[in-house]
Amino acid sequence: SDGSTYYGDSVKGRFAISRDNAKNTAYLQMSSLKPEDAGNYY
């Protein structure tokens, strides 16, 4: 509704979340990835 966001401390400054309500879709742009970012994302 208002686009307010939350980021976990470990990803702040590296990940960016956005959404396109017209497409009913959200995006997670992940940059400067580290080995500890590996895993299954849900």
Full PDB file with SEQRES, HELIX, SHEET, SSBOND, CRYST1, ORIGX, SCALE, CONECT and MASTER records, all heavy atoms in Angstrom:
SEQRES   1 A   42  SER ASP GLY SER THR TYR TYR GLY ASP SER VAL LYS GLY          
SEQRES   2 A   42  ARG PHE ALA ILE SER ARG ASP ASN ALA LYS ASN THR ALA          
SEQRES   3 A   42  TYR LEU GLN MET SER SER LEU LYS PRO GLU ASP ALA GLY          
SEQRES   4 A   42  ASN TYR TYR                                                  
HELIX    1 AA1 PRO A   35  ASP A   37  5                                   3    
SHEET    1 AA1 2 PHE A  15  ASP A  20  0                                        
SHEET    2 AA1 2 THR A  25  MET A  30 -1                                        
CRYST1    1.000    1.000    1.000  90.00  90.00  90.00 P 1           1          
ORIGX1      1.000000  0.000000  0.000000        0.00000                         
ORIGX2      0.000000  1.000000  0.000000        0.00000                         
ORIGX3      0.000000  0.000000  1.000000        0.00000                         
SCALE1      1.000000  0.000000  0.000000        0.00000                         
SCALE2      0.000000  1.000000  0.000000        0.00000                         
SCALE3      0.000000  0.000000  1.000000        0.00000                         
ATOM      1  N   SER A   1       0.819  -1.222   0.000  1.00  0.00           N  
ATOM      2  CA  SER A   1       0.000   0.000   0.000  1.00  0.00           C  
ATOM      3  C   SER A   1       0.845   1.260   0.000  1.00  0.00           C  
ATOM      4  O   SER A   1       0.640   2.145  -0.829  1.00  0.00           O  
ATOM      5  CB  SER A   1      -0.941  -0.004   1.204  1.00  0.00           C  
ATOM      6  OG  SER A   1      -0.208  -0.073   2.403  1.00  0.00           O  
ATOM      7  N   ASP A   2       1.807   1.361   0.904  1.00  0.00           N  
ATOM      8  CA  ASP A   2       2.540   2.625   0.990  1.00  0.00           C  
ATOM      9  C   ASP A   2       4.012   2.512   0.614  1.00  0.00           C  
ATOM     10  O   ASP A   2       4.737   3.501   0.642  1.00  0.00           O  
ATOM     11  CB  ASP A   2       2.407   3.254   2.376  1.00  0.00           C  
ATOM     12  CG  ASP A   2       3.041   2.417   3.480  1.00  0.00           C  
ATOM     13  OD1 ASP A   2       3.799   1.472   3.183  1.00  0.00           O  
ATOM     14  OD2 ASP A   2       2.781   2.718   4.664  1.00  0.00           O  
ATOM     15  N   GLY A   3       4.470   1.303   0.292  1.00  0.00           N  
ATOM     16  CA  GLY A   3       5.850   1.140  -0.150  1.00  0.00           C  
ATOM     17  C   GLY A   3       6.887   1.187   0.949  1.00  0.00           C  
ATOM     18  O   GLY A   3       8.095   1.172   0.663  1.00  0.00           O  
ATOM     19  N   SER A   4       6.458   1.223   2.206  1.00  0.00           N  
ATOM     20  CA  SER A   4       7.446   1.209   3.284  1.00  0.00           C  
ATOM     21  C   SER A   4       8.178  -0.129   3.277  1.00  0.00           C  
ATOM     22  O   SER A   4       7.611  -1.164   2.884  1.00  0.00           O  
ATOM     23  CB  SER A   4       6.787   1.474   4.628  1.00  0.00           C  
ATOM     24  OG  SER A   4       5.731   0.558   4.860  1.00  0.00           O  
ATOM     25  N   THR A   5       9.433  -0.088   3.702  1.00  0.00           N  
ATOM     26  CA  THR A   5      10.291  -1.266   3.562  1.00  0.00           C  
ATOM     27  C   THR A   5      10.962  -1.656   4.872  1.00  0.00           C  
ATOM     28  O   THR A   5      11.055  -0.860   5.814  1.00  0.00           O  
ATOM     29  CB  THR A   5      11.382  -1.014   2.509  1.00  0.00           C  
ATOM     30  OG1 THR A   5      12.149   0.131   2.906  1.00  0.00           O  
ATOM     31  CG2 THR A   5      10.788  -0.771   1.137  1.00  0.00           C  
ATOM     32  N   TYR A   6      11.424  -2.878   4.878  1.00  0.00           N  
ATOM     33  CA  TYR A   6      12.253  -3.406   5.962  1.00  0.00           C  
ATOM     34  C   TYR A   6      13.398  -4.171   5.318  1.00  0.00           C  
ATOM     35  O   TYR A   6      13.208  -4.881   4.314  1.00  0.00           O  
ATOM     36  CB  TYR A   6      11.454  -4.346   6.860  1.00  0.00           C  
ATOM     37  CG  TYR A   6      12.349  -5.189   7.748  1.00  0.00           C  
ATOM     38  CD1 TYR A   6      12.848  -4.686   8.943  1.00  0.00           C  
ATOM     39  CD2 TYR A   6      12.750  -6.465   7.351  1.00  0.00           C  
ATOM     40  CE1 TYR A   6      13.700  -5.435   9.726  1.00  0.00           C  
ATOM     41  CE2 TYR A   6      13.598  -7.225   8.136  1.00  0.00           C  
ATOM     42  CZ  TYR A   6      14.066  -6.706   9.322  1.00  0.00           C  
ATOM     43  OH  TYR A   6      14.916  -7.452  10.088  1.00  0.00           O  
ATOM     44  N   TYR A   7      14.580  -4.035   5.890  1.00  0.00           N  
ATOM     45  CA  TYR A   7      15.737  -4.819   5.476  1.00  0.00           C  
ATOM     46  C   TYR A   7      16.398  -5.425   6.698  1.00  0.00           C  
ATOM     47  O   TYR A   7      16.585  -4.740   7.720  1.00  0.00           O  
ATOM     48  CB  TYR A   7      16.764  -3.957   4.745  1.00  0.00           C  
ATOM     49  CG  TYR A   7      16.282  -3.416   3.424  1.00  0.00           C  
ATOM     50  CD1 TYR A   7      15.738  -2.146   3.324  1.00  0.00           C  
ATOM     51  CD2 TYR A   7      16.364  -4.196   2.263  1.00  0.00           C  
ATOM     52  CE1 TYR A   7      15.278  -1.658   2.106  1.00  0.00           C  
ATOM     53  CE2 TYR A   7      15.926  -3.704   1.044  1.00  0.00           C  
ATOM     54  CZ  TYR A   7      15.377  -2.446   0.980  1.00  0.00           C  
ATOM     55  OH  TYR A   7      14.931  -1.966  -0.233  1.00  0.00           O  
ATOM     56  N   GLY A   8      16.788  -6.661   6.578  1.00  0.00           N  
ATOM     57  CA  GLY A   8      17.578  -7.267   7.629  1.00  0.00           C  
ATOM     58  C   GLY A   8      18.933  -6.606   7.715  1.00  0.00           C  
ATOM     59  O   GLY A   8      19.457  -6.104   6.706  1.00  0.00           O  
ATOM     60  N   ASP A   9      19.521  -6.597   8.887  1.00  0.00           N  
ATOM     61  CA  ASP A   9      20.793  -5.917   9.075  1.00  0.00           C  
ATOM     62  C   ASP A   9      21.874  -6.446   8.137  1.00  0.00           C  
ATOM     63  O   ASP A   9      22.736  -5.697   7.678  1.00  0.00           O  
ATOM     64  CB  ASP A   9      21.261  -6.072  10.529  1.00  0.00           C  
ATOM     65  CG  ASP A   9      20.445  -5.231  11.487  1.00  0.00           C  
ATOM     66  OD1 ASP A   9      19.755  -4.285  11.031  1.00  0.00           O  
ATOM     67  OD2 ASP A   9      20.487  -5.512  12.698  1.00  0.00           O  
ATOM     68  N   SER A  10      21.833  -7.725   7.845  1.00  0.00           N  
ATOM     69  CA  SER A  10      22.894  -8.323   7.042  1.00  0.00           C  
ATOM     70  C   SER A  10      22.832  -7.935   5.564  1.00  0.00           C  
ATOM     71  O   SER A  10      23.790  -8.154   4.830  1.00  0.00           O  
ATOM     72  CB  SER A  10      22.847  -9.846   7.166  1.00  0.00           C  
ATOM     73  OG  SER A  10      21.620 -10.340   6.663  1.00  0.00           O  
ATOM     74  N   VAL A  11      21.712  -7.359   5.127  1.00  0.00           N  
ATOM     75  CA  VAL A  11      21.571  -7.020   3.708  1.00  0.00           C  
ATOM     76  C   VAL A  11      21.390  -5.527   3.464  1.00  0.00           C  
ATOM     77  O   VAL A  11      21.343  -5.092   2.304  1.00  0.00           O  
ATOM     78  CB  VAL A  11      20.391  -7.790   3.052  1.00  0.00           C  
ATOM     79  CG1 VAL A  11      20.529  -9.291   3.301  1.00  0.00           C  
ATOM     80  CG2 VAL A  11      19.047  -7.279   3.549  1.00  0.00           C  
ATOM     81  N   LYS A  12      21.318  -4.742   4.515  1.00  0.00           N  
ATOM     82  CA  LYS A  12      21.125  -3.304   4.348  1.00  0.00           C  
ATOM     83  C   LYS A  12      22.245  -2.698   3.508  1.00  0.00           C  
ATOM     84  O   LYS A  12      23.417  -3.012   3.707  1.00  0.00           O  
ATOM     85  CB  LYS A  12      21.085  -2.617   5.717  1.00  0.00           C  
ATOM     86  CG  LYS A  12      19.763  -2.733   6.426  1.00  0.00           C  
ATOM     87  CD  LYS A  12      19.807  -2.023   7.775  1.00  0.00           C  
ATOM     88  CE  LYS A  12      18.512  -2.201   8.531  1.00  0.00           C  
ATOM     89  NZ  LYS A  12      18.571  -1.620   9.888  1.00  0.00           N  
ATOM     90  N   GLY A  13      21.856  -1.864   2.573  1.00  0.00           N  
ATOM     91  CA  GLY A  13      22.831  -1.208   1.711  1.00  0.00           C  
ATOM     92  C   GLY A  13      23.250  -2.041   0.515  1.00  0.00           C  
ATOM     93  O   GLY A  13      23.921  -1.537  -0.386  1.00  0.00           O  
ATOM     94  N   ARG A  14      22.860  -3.307   0.493  1.00  0.00           N  
ATOM     95  CA  ARG A  14      23.230  -4.180  -0.632  1.00  0.00           C  
ATOM     96  C   ARG A  14      22.020  -4.675  -1.407  1.00  0.00           C  
ATOM     97  O   ARG A  14      22.103  -4.927  -2.608  1.00  0.00           O  
ATOM     98  CB  ARG A  14      24.021  -5.383  -0.115  1.00  0.00           C  
ATOM     99  CG  ARG A  14      25.297  -5.020   0.609  1.00  0.00           C  
ATOM    100  CD  ARG A  14      26.135  -6.267   0.943  1.00  0.00           C  
ATOM    101  NE  ARG A  14      25.439  -7.165   1.854  1.00  0.00           N  
ATOM    102  CZ  ARG A  14      25.130  -8.428   1.568  1.00  0.00           C  
ATOM    103  NH1 ARG A  14      25.442  -8.945   0.389  1.00  0.00           N  
ATOM    104  NH2 ARG A  14      24.528  -9.191   2.475  1.00  0.00           N  
ATOM    105  N   PHE A  15      20.918  -4.856  -0.735  1.00  0.00           N  
ATOM    106  CA  PHE A  15      19.689  -5.351  -1.374  1.00  0.00           C  
ATOM    107  C   PHE A  15      18.682  -4.212  -1.477  1.00  0.00           C  
ATOM    108  O   PHE A  15      18.650  -3.304  -0.634  1.00  0.00           O  
ATOM    109  CB  PHE A  15      19.069  -6.480  -0.556  1.00  0.00           C  
ATOM    110  CG  PHE A  15      19.838  -7.769  -0.555  1.00  0.00           C  
ATOM    111  CD1 PHE A  15      21.140  -7.857  -1.016  1.00  0.00           C  
ATOM    112  CD2 PHE A  15      19.237  -8.935  -0.094  1.00  0.00           C  
ATOM    113  CE1 PHE A  15      21.838  -9.054  -1.015  1.00  0.00           C  
ATOM    114  CE2 PHE A  15      19.909 -10.150  -0.073  1.00  0.00           C  
ATOM    115  CZ  PHE A  15      21.225 -10.204  -0.534  1.00  0.00           C  
ATOM    116  N   ALA A  16      17.854  -4.277  -2.494  1.00  0.00           N  
ATOM    117  CA  ALA A  16      16.798  -3.284  -2.677  1.00  0.00           C  
ATOM    118  C   ALA A  16      15.524  -3.991  -3.106  1.00  0.00           C  
ATOM    119  O   ALA A  16      15.535  -4.765  -4.073  1.00  0.00           O  
ATOM    120  CB  ALA A  16      17.202  -2.250  -3.706  1.00  0.00           C  
ATOM    121  N   ILE A  17      14.444  -3.732  -2.381  1.00  0.00           N  
ATOM    122  CA  ILE A  17      13.164  -4.345  -2.697  1.00  0.00           C  
ATOM    123  C   ILE A  17      12.268  -3.295  -3.344  1.00  0.00           C  
ATOM    124  O   ILE A  17      12.328  -2.107  -3.011  1.00  0.00           O  
ATOM    125  CB  ILE A  17      12.508  -4.950  -1.436  1.00  0.00           C  
ATOM    126  CG1 ILE A  17      11.333  -5.853  -1.804  1.00  0.00           C  
ATOM    127  CG2 ILE A  17      12.092  -3.856  -0.450  1.00  0.00           C  
ATOM    128  CD1 ILE A  17      10.829  -6.693  -0.627  1.00  0.00           C  
ATOM    129  N   SER A  18      11.458  -3.733  -4.270  1.00  0.00           N  
ATOM    130  CA  SER A  18      10.515  -2.839  -4.928  1.00  0.00           C  
ATOM    131  C   SER A  18       9.286  -3.643  -5.319  1.00  0.00           C  
ATOM    132  O   SER A  18       9.298  -4.877  -5.261  1.00  0.00           O  
ATOM    133  CB  SER A  18      11.142  -2.190  -6.162  1.00  0.00           C  
ATOM    134  OG  SER A  18      11.537  -3.179  -7.102  1.00  0.00           O  
ATOM    135  N   ARG A  19       8.234  -2.943  -5.688  1.00  0.00           N  
ATOM    136  CA  ARG A  19       7.053  -3.653  -6.158  1.00  0.00           C  
ATOM    137  C   ARG A  19       6.378  -2.868  -7.263  1.00  0.00           C  
ATOM    138  O   ARG A  19       6.478  -1.652  -7.345  1.00  0.00           O  
ATOM    139  CB  ARG A  19       6.079  -3.978  -5.005  1.00  0.00           C  
ATOM    140  CG  ARG A  19       4.970  -2.957  -4.744  1.00  0.00           C  
ATOM    141  CD  ARG A  19       5.407  -1.865  -3.843  1.00  0.00           C  
ATOM    142  NE  ARG A  19       4.278  -1.124  -3.327  1.00  0.00           N  
ATOM    143  CZ  ARG A  19       4.164   0.198  -3.403  1.00  0.00           C  
ATOM    144  NH1 ARG A  19       5.082   0.901  -4.007  1.00  0.00           N  
ATOM    145  NH2 ARG A  19       3.125   0.814  -2.873  1.00  0.00           N  
ATOM    146  N   ASP A  20       5.715  -3.607  -8.118  1.00  0.00           N  
ATOM    147  CA  ASP A  20       4.940  -3.038  -9.211  1.00  0.00           C  
ATOM    148  C   ASP A  20       3.516  -3.557  -9.037  1.00  0.00           C  
ATOM    149  O   ASP A  20       3.206  -4.695  -9.409  1.00  0.00           O  
ATOM    150  CB  ASP A  20       5.531  -3.469 -10.553  1.00  0.00           C  
ATOM    151  CG  ASP A  20       4.816  -2.848 -11.745  1.00  0.00           C  
ATOM    152  OD1 ASP A  20       3.672  -2.394 -11.585  1.00  0.00           O  
ATOM    153  OD2 ASP A  20       5.413  -2.839 -12.830  1.00  0.00           O  
ATOM    154  N   ASN A  21       2.684  -2.749  -8.446  1.00  0.00           N  
ATOM    155  CA  ASN A  21       1.325  -3.216  -8.142  1.00  0.00           C  
ATOM    156  C   ASN A  21       0.522  -3.516  -9.403  1.00  0.00           C  
ATOM    157  O   ASN A  21      -0.360  -4.369  -9.383  1.00  0.00           O  
ATOM    158  CB  ASN A  21       0.595  -2.197  -7.269  1.00  0.00           C  
ATOM    159  CG  ASN A  21       1.044  -2.258  -5.816  1.00  0.00           C  
ATOM    160  OD1 ASN A  21       2.052  -2.879  -5.487  1.00  0.00           O  
ATOM    161  ND2 ASN A  21       0.314  -1.584  -4.947  1.00  0.00           N  
ATOM    162  N   ALA A  22       0.836  -2.823 -10.482  1.00  0.00           N  
ATOM    163  CA  ALA A  22       0.115  -3.079 -11.725  1.00  0.00           C  
ATOM    164  C   ALA A  22       0.384  -4.502 -12.218  1.00  0.00           C  
ATOM    165  O   ALA A  22      -0.467  -5.115 -12.861  1.00  0.00           O  
ATOM    166  CB  ALA A  22       0.515  -2.069 -12.785  1.00  0.00           C  
ATOM    167  N   LYS A  23       1.565  -5.015 -11.902  1.00  0.00           N  
ATOM    168  CA  LYS A  23       1.926  -6.382 -12.299  1.00  0.00           C  
ATOM    169  C   LYS A  23       1.770  -7.360 -11.143  1.00  0.00           C  
ATOM    170  O   LYS A  23       2.069  -8.548 -11.303  1.00  0.00           O  
ATOM    171  CB  LYS A  23       3.364  -6.423 -12.821  1.00  0.00           C  
ATOM    172  CG  LYS A  23       3.586  -5.605 -14.078  1.00  0.00           C  
ATOM    173  CD  LYS A  23       5.033  -5.720 -14.551  1.00  0.00           C  
ATOM    174  CE  LYS A  23       5.247  -4.925 -15.825  1.00  0.00           C  
ATOM    175  NZ  LYS A  23       6.657  -4.994 -16.290  1.00  0.00           N  
ATOM    176  N   ASN A  24       1.362  -6.842  -9.983  1.00  0.00           N  
ATOM    177  CA  ASN A  24       1.253  -7.703  -8.793  1.00  0.00           C  
ATOM    178  C   ASN A  24       2.552  -8.452  -8.528  1.00  0.00           C  
ATOM    179  O   ASN A  24       2.540  -9.637  -8.156  1.00  0.00           O  
ATOM    180  CB  ASN A  24       0.092  -8.692  -8.933  1.00  0.00           C  
ATOM    181  CG  ASN A  24      -1.013  -8.447  -7.927  1.00  0.00           C  
ATOM    182  OD1 ASN A  24      -1.211  -7.319  -7.471  1.00  0.00           O  
ATOM    183  ND2 ASN A  24      -1.733  -9.488  -7.565  1.00  0.00           N  
ATOM    184  N   THR A  25       3.647  -7.753  -8.694  1.00  0.00           N  
ATOM    185  CA  THR A  25       4.964  -8.375  -8.620  1.00  0.00           C  
ATOM    186  C   THR A  25       5.895  -7.556  -7.737  1.00  0.00           C  
ATOM    187  O   THR A  25       5.855  -6.324  -7.762  1.00  0.00           O  
ATOM    188  CB  THR A  25       5.567  -8.514 -10.026  1.00  0.00           C  
ATOM    189  OG1 THR A  25       4.723  -9.361 -10.817  1.00  0.00           O  
ATOM    190  CG2 THR A  25       6.962  -9.113  -9.975  1.00  0.00           C  
ATOM    191  N   ALA A  26       6.713  -8.259  -6.964  1.00  0.00           N  
ATOM    192  CA  ALA A  26       7.770  -7.633  -6.173  1.00  0.00           C  
ATOM    193  C   ALA A  26       9.112  -8.113  -6.688  1.00  0.00           C  
ATOM    194  O   ALA A  26       9.224  -9.213  -7.256  1.00  0.00           O  
ATOM    195  CB  ALA A  26       7.603  -7.973  -4.700  1.00  0.00           C  
ATOM    196  N   TYR A  27      10.112  -7.287  -6.463  1.00  0.00           N  
ATOM    197  CA  TYR A  27      11.461  -7.595  -6.932  1.00  0.00           C  
ATOM    198  C   TYR A  27      12.441  -7.413  -5.773  1.00  0.00           C  
ATOM    199  O   TYR A  27      12.287  -6.508  -4.954  1.00  0.00           O  
ATOM    200  CB  TYR A  27      11.859  -6.661  -8.073  1.00  0.00           C  
ATOM    201  CG  TYR A  27      10.892  -6.671  -9.221  1.00  0.00           C  
ATOM    202  CD1 TYR A  27       9.869  -5.736  -9.306  1.00  0.00           C  
ATOM    203  CD2 TYR A  27      10.987  -7.622 -10.234  1.00  0.00           C  
ATOM    204  CE1 TYR A  27       8.963  -5.742 -10.359  1.00  0.00           C  
ATOM    205  CE2 TYR A  27      10.096  -7.632 -11.295  1.00  0.00           C  
ATOM    206  CZ  TYR A  27       9.080  -6.686 -11.341  1.00  0.00           C  
ATOM    207  OH  TYR A  27       8.186  -6.710 -12.385  1.00  0.00           O  
ATOM    208  N   LEU A  28      13.452  -8.251  -5.761  1.00  0.00           N  
ATOM    209  CA  LEU A  28      14.533  -8.100  -4.803  1.00  0.00           C  
ATOM    210  C   LEU A  28      15.837  -8.054  -5.589  1.00  0.00           C  
ATOM    211  O   LEU A  28      16.271  -9.061  -6.139  1.00  0.00           O  
ATOM    212  CB  LEU A  28      14.558  -9.263  -3.806  1.00  0.00           C  
ATOM    213  CG  LEU A  28      15.594  -9.146  -2.698  1.00  0.00           C  
ATOM    214  CD1 LEU A  28      15.235  -7.987  -1.758  1.00  0.00           C  
ATOM    215  CD2 LEU A  28      15.700 -10.449  -1.899  1.00  0.00           C  
ATOM    216  N   GLN A  29      16.410  -6.871  -5.666  1.00  0.00           N  
ATOM    217  CA  GLN A  29      17.693  -6.695  -6.333  1.00  0.00           C  
ATOM    218  C   GLN A  29      18.790  -6.922  -5.304  1.00  0.00           C  
ATOM    219  O   GLN A  29      18.853  -6.199  -4.310  1.00  0.00           O  
ATOM    220  CB  GLN A  29      17.803  -5.293  -6.922  1.00  0.00           C  
ATOM    221  CG  GLN A  29      19.125  -5.018  -7.603  1.00  0.00           C  
ATOM    222  CD  GLN A  29      19.314  -5.850  -8.861  1.00  0.00           C  
ATOM    223  OE1 GLN A  29      18.407  -5.973  -9.679  1.00  0.00           O  
ATOM    224  NE2 GLN A  29      20.495  -6.435  -9.021  1.00  0.00           N  
ATOM    225  N   MET A  30      19.617  -7.908  -5.555  1.00  0.00           N  
ATOM    226  CA  MET A  30      20.671  -8.269  -4.623  1.00  0.00           C  
ATOM    227  C   MET A  30      22.011  -7.941  -5.257  1.00  0.00           C  
ATOM    228  O   MET A  30      22.339  -8.461  -6.330  1.00  0.00           O  
ATOM    229  CB  MET A  30      20.584  -9.757  -4.280  1.00  0.00           C  
ATOM    230  CG  MET A  30      19.210 -10.182  -3.767  1.00  0.00           C  
ATOM    231  SD  MET A  30      19.146 -11.900  -3.243  1.00  0.00           S  
ATOM    232  CE  MET A  30      19.357 -12.723  -4.813  1.00  0.00           C  
ATOM    233  N   SER A  31      22.772  -7.096  -4.591  1.00  0.00           N  
ATOM    234  CA  SER A  31      24.065  -6.675  -5.102  1.00  0.00           C  
ATOM    235  C   SER A  31      25.143  -6.970  -4.072  1.00  0.00           C  
ATOM    236  O   SER A  31      24.848  -7.225  -2.909  1.00  0.00           O  
ATOM    237  CB  SER A  31      24.045  -5.180  -5.423  1.00  0.00           C  
ATOM    238  OG  SER A  31      23.023  -4.872  -6.345  1.00  0.00           O  
ATOM    239  N   SER A  32      26.388  -6.916  -4.515  1.00  0.00           N  
ATOM    240  CA  SER A  32      27.527  -7.171  -3.626  1.00  0.00           C  
ATOM    241  C   SER A  32      27.316  -8.453  -2.829  1.00  0.00           C  
ATOM    242  O   SER A  32      27.522  -8.482  -1.609  1.00  0.00           O  
ATOM    243  CB  SER A  32      27.754  -5.979  -2.691  1.00  0.00           C  
ATOM    244  OG  SER A  32      27.971  -4.793  -3.422  1.00  0.00           O  
ATOM    245  N   LEU A  33      26.906  -9.474  -3.524  1.00  0.00           N  
ATOM    246  CA  LEU A  33      26.570 -10.727  -2.844  1.00  0.00           C  
ATOM    247  C   LEU A  33      27.784 -11.343  -2.179  1.00  0.00           C  
ATOM    248  O   LEU A  33      28.907 -11.282  -2.699  1.00  0.00           O  
ATOM    249  CB  LEU A  33      25.934 -11.696  -3.840  1.00  0.00           C  
ATOM    250  CG  LEU A  33      24.462 -11.392  -4.150  1.00  0.00           C  
ATOM    251  CD1 LEU A  33      24.030 -12.065  -5.442  1.00  0.00           C  
ATOM    252  CD2 LEU A  33      23.572 -11.827  -2.997  1.00  0.00           C  
ATOM    253  N   LYS A  34      27.526 -11.938  -1.033  1.00  0.00           N  
ATOM    254  CA  LYS A  34      28.564 -12.587  -0.235  1.00  0.00           C  
ATOM    255  C   LYS A  34      28.239 -14.080  -0.121  1.00  0.00           C  
ATOM    256  O   LYS A  34      27.073 -14.472  -0.235  1.00  0.00           O  
ATOM    257  CB  LYS A  34      28.595 -11.973   1.162  1.00  0.00           C  
ATOM    258  CG  LYS A  34      28.799 -10.469   1.202  1.00  0.00           C  
ATOM    259  CD  LYS A  34      28.712  -9.958   2.625  1.00  0.00           C  
ATOM    260  CE  LYS A  34      28.899  -8.450   2.687  1.00  0.00           C  
ATOM    261  NZ  LYS A  34      28.800  -7.938   4.085  1.00  0.00           N  
ATOM    262  N   PRO A  35      29.227 -14.896   0.165  1.00  0.00           N  
ATOM    263  CA  PRO A  35      28.948 -16.326   0.343  1.00  0.00           C  
ATOM    264  C   PRO A  35      27.872 -16.597   1.399  1.00  0.00           C  
ATOM    265  O   PRO A  35      27.086 -17.542   1.259  1.00  0.00           O  
ATOM    266  CB  PRO A  35      30.309 -16.891   0.756  1.00  0.00           C  
ATOM    267  CG  PRO A  35      31.287 -15.983   0.104  1.00  0.00           C  
ATOM    268  CD  PRO A  35      30.666 -14.617   0.176  1.00  0.00           C  
ATOM    269  N   GLU A  36      27.837 -15.762   2.426  1.00  0.00           N  
ATOM    270  CA  GLU A  36      26.840 -15.972   3.475  1.00  0.00           C  
ATOM    271  C   GLU A  36      25.421 -15.608   3.041  1.00  0.00           C  
ATOM    272  O   GLU A  36      24.463 -15.835   3.783  1.00  0.00           O  
ATOM    273  CB  GLU A  36      27.216 -15.194   4.742  1.00  0.00           C  
ATOM    274  CG  GLU A  36      27.520 -13.736   4.536  1.00  0.00           C  
ATOM    275  CD  GLU A  36      29.009 -13.464   4.386  1.00  0.00           C  
ATOM    276  OE1 GLU A  36      29.718 -14.246   3.689  1.00  0.00           O  
ATOM    277  OE2 GLU A  36      29.481 -12.451   4.955  1.00  0.00           O  
ATOM    278  N   ASP A  37      25.262 -15.040   1.840  1.00  0.00           N  
ATOM    279  CA  ASP A  37      23.919 -14.784   1.311  1.00  0.00           C  
ATOM    280  C   ASP A  37      23.319 -16.021   0.652  1.00  0.00           C  
ATOM    281  O   ASP A  37      22.139 -16.023   0.302  1.00  0.00           O  
ATOM    282  CB  ASP A  37      23.950 -13.658   0.268  1.00  0.00           C  
ATOM    283  CG  ASP A  37      24.297 -12.312   0.865  1.00  0.00           C  
ATOM    284  OD1 ASP A  37      23.761 -11.990   1.938  1.00  0.00           O  
ATOM    285  OD2 ASP A  37      25.105 -11.590   0.250  1.00  0.00           O  
ATOM    286  N   ALA A  38      24.113 -17.045   0.472  1.00  0.00           N  
ATOM    287  CA  ALA A  38      23.633 -18.239  -0.211  1.00  0.00           C  
ATOM    288  C   ALA A  38      22.533 -18.933   0.594  1.00  0.00           C  
ATOM    289  O   ALA A  38      22.534 -18.910   1.819  1.00  0.00           O  
ATOM    290  CB  ALA A  38      24.788 -19.209  -0.448  1.00  0.00           C  
ATOM    291  N   GLY A  39      21.600 -19.539  -0.123  1.00  0.00           N  
ATOM    292  CA  GLY A  39      20.518 -20.272   0.526  1.00  0.00           C  
ATOM    293  C   GLY A  39      19.301 -20.322  -0.362  1.00  0.00           C  
ATOM    294  O   GLY A  39      19.343 -19.884  -1.521  1.00  0.00           O  
ATOM    295  N   ASN A  40      18.236 -20.848   0.183  1.00  0.00           N  
ATOM    296  CA  ASN A  40      16.954 -20.861  -0.521  1.00  0.00           C  
ATOM    297  C   ASN A  40      16.166 -19.631  -0.104  1.00  0.00           C  
ATOM    298  O   ASN A  40      15.973 -19.385   1.088  1.00  0.00           O  
ATOM    299  CB  ASN A  40      16.183 -22.126  -0.198  1.00  0.00           C  
ATOM    300  CG  ASN A  40      16.819 -23.346  -0.833  1.00  0.00           C  
ATOM    301  OD1 ASN A  40      17.178 -23.328  -1.997  1.00  0.00           O  
ATOM    302  ND2 ASN A  40      16.963 -24.410  -0.064  1.00  0.00           N  
ATOM    303  N   TYR A  41      15.717 -18.892  -1.083  1.00  0.00           N  
ATOM    304  CA  TYR A  41      14.957 -17.669  -0.844  1.00  0.00           C  
ATOM    305  C   TYR A  41      13.487 -17.932  -1.150  1.00  0.00           C  
ATOM    306  O   TYR A  41      13.145 -18.432  -2.234  1.00  0.00           O  
ATOM    307  CB  TYR A  41      15.487 -16.539  -1.719  1.00  0.00           C  
ATOM    308  CG  TYR A  41      16.772 -15.937  -1.221  1.00  0.00           C  
ATOM    309  CD1 TYR A  41      17.946 -16.682  -1.197  1.00  0.00           C  
ATOM    310  CD2 TYR A  41      16.819 -14.623  -0.760  1.00  0.00           C  
ATOM    311  CE1 TYR A  41      19.129 -16.136  -0.725  1.00  0.00           C  
ATOM    312  CE2 TYR A  41      18.000 -14.062  -0.292  1.00  0.00           C  
ATOM    313  CZ  TYR A  41      19.145 -14.826  -0.269  1.00  0.00           C  
ATOM    314  OH  TYR A  41      20.316 -14.282   0.196  1.00  0.00           O  
ATOM    315  N   TYR A  42      12.659 -17.585  -0.212  1.00  0.00           N  
ATOM    316  CA  TYR A  42      11.221 -17.808  -0.351  1.00  0.00           C  
ATOM    317  C   TYR A  42      10.488 -16.479  -0.296  1.00  0.00           C  
ATOM    318  O   TYR A  42      10.661 -15.702   0.645  1.00  0.00           O  
ATOM    319  CB  TYR A  42      10.706 -18.706   0.777  1.00  0.00           C  
ATOM    320  CG  TYR A  42      11.308 -20.089   0.781  1.00  0.00           C  
ATOM    321  CD1 TYR A  42      12.470 -20.372   1.477  1.00  0.00           C  
ATOM    322  CD2 TYR A  42      10.686 -21.133   0.081  1.00  0.00           C  
ATOM    323  CE1 TYR A  42      13.024 -21.639   1.473  1.00  0.00           C  
ATOM    324  CE2 TYR A  42      11.231 -22.411   0.083  1.00  0.00           C  
ATOM    325  CZ  TYR A  42      12.394 -22.646   0.776  1.00  0.00           C  
ATOM    326  OH  TYR A  42      12.940 -23.913   0.774  1.00  0.00           O  
TER     327      TYR A  42                                                      
MASTER        0    0    0    1    2    0    0    6  326    1    0    4          
END                                                                             
